[in-house]
Amino acid sequence: MIKEDTVEENFKENLVLNSIVDRSGQRPKVDSLIEGPVIMIKKSSVYVDLSPYGTGIIYGREFINAKDIIKKIALGDIIKAKVVETENEDGYTELSLKEAKQALMWSEAEKAIKSKTVLDLEIKDANKGGLILEWQGIQGFLPASQLKAEHYPRVLDSDKDKILKELKKLVGQKISVMIISTLPKEGKLIFSEKDNNPEEKKEILSKYTVGDELECIVAGIVDFGVFLKLEDGLEGLVHISELDWGLVEDPRTMFKVGDTVRAKVIEIKDGKISLSIKALKENPWKEFEGKLKKGDIIKGVVIKYNKHGALVSIKEGVAGLVHNSTFGTETKLREKLELGKNYNFQITLFEPKDHKMTLMHLE
């Protein structure tokens, strides 16, 4: 009776002979992917037929690293592996299953980028910069800047701790995203939620044109303006400069989430809608067309300082600038012109159509 050890030894000898016979063929290069049927599985090694190049082997560290994968492999299975050494001292091509699996995943990720594949993934965690997701065992990052308006953390003063608190509320939810970048060296993917269905977004936007007057719901308030919900999946921004003709310091003093407001579409660009609330109000500058001109003396109240000088209002929504240079320095201007007080000024520039006016203080 032939012992089992003798059978294995003969089998290994035949593998080596086959490998030597097939050396005349061009052997696969290091880092290339190759496939073949599994012809023997041992406690610490797996043999793969790589005809016409010879026999491949997965053993040592590569066997340990791929144990979970090897458990699912049976004789005759066709497997893909990565070449780590073209020919070892025993004549085998050394292979790595773990690296092959990773290489295939990165390749699939690149294909997903090109095809703009939409993936429904669970949000695993959040940090101050965005959300942590996972795809095919690879961890990925979804920056907050790549979130749609309905998921974007709208917080006061862009406070990072408050942003994190809002993002944490999304953990456990599923989100539709696309892969936009791969970072194999860091073992990381970058995702985006924005415009993951460009055709659908294009179709929604096609319903709107510049000049449309719409009834909207206030969906969010930020330092720079107000987000209005036009319909499910679509929001538009009213910039702080388009909220009112008068000076607006904080949009939160004018609106609250859930308010119904009317707004006018003033721009549709790059998949975004810009709106104006003040465009539906009477333009206060029109009152002064043909009535005021350069050189006229008027009375106005100082309402705000900025880096250029002081803003002076002659009527709600109509204000002109007194430049620092007319006083020599910013300090001197602020000493002479106090907030909330009335003074006499001379108009040095008046262009009501462009909403521009400059003034000079009169002693």
Foldseek 3Di string as FASTA:
>chain_A
DDDPVVVVVVVLVVQLVLQVVLCVDDFDDAFDKAKAFWADDDPFKTWGQRPPNGIAMEGDPLCVVCVVVVVPDDGGDMAMWGFHARQDPSSHGYTHRVVRVLVVVVVVLVVQQVVLDKDWWAFAAAALQATWTDDPNFIEGEGLVQEAPLLRQADEPSPSVSRRVSRRVRHGPIAIWGFNDDDVVVSYTYIHRPPSPVVVLVVVCVVDDAFDKAKWFFAHFHQQFTWTDRDVPAIATEGLVQEALAHDRGCVVPDDGGDIAIWGFHDQPPSHTYIHRHVPPDQPLVVCVVPDFAFDKAKWFFADADPQETWTDRDGNQIAGEGQVLQPHRVRRCVVHPHGDMFMWGWHGDDSVVSYTYTHGDD
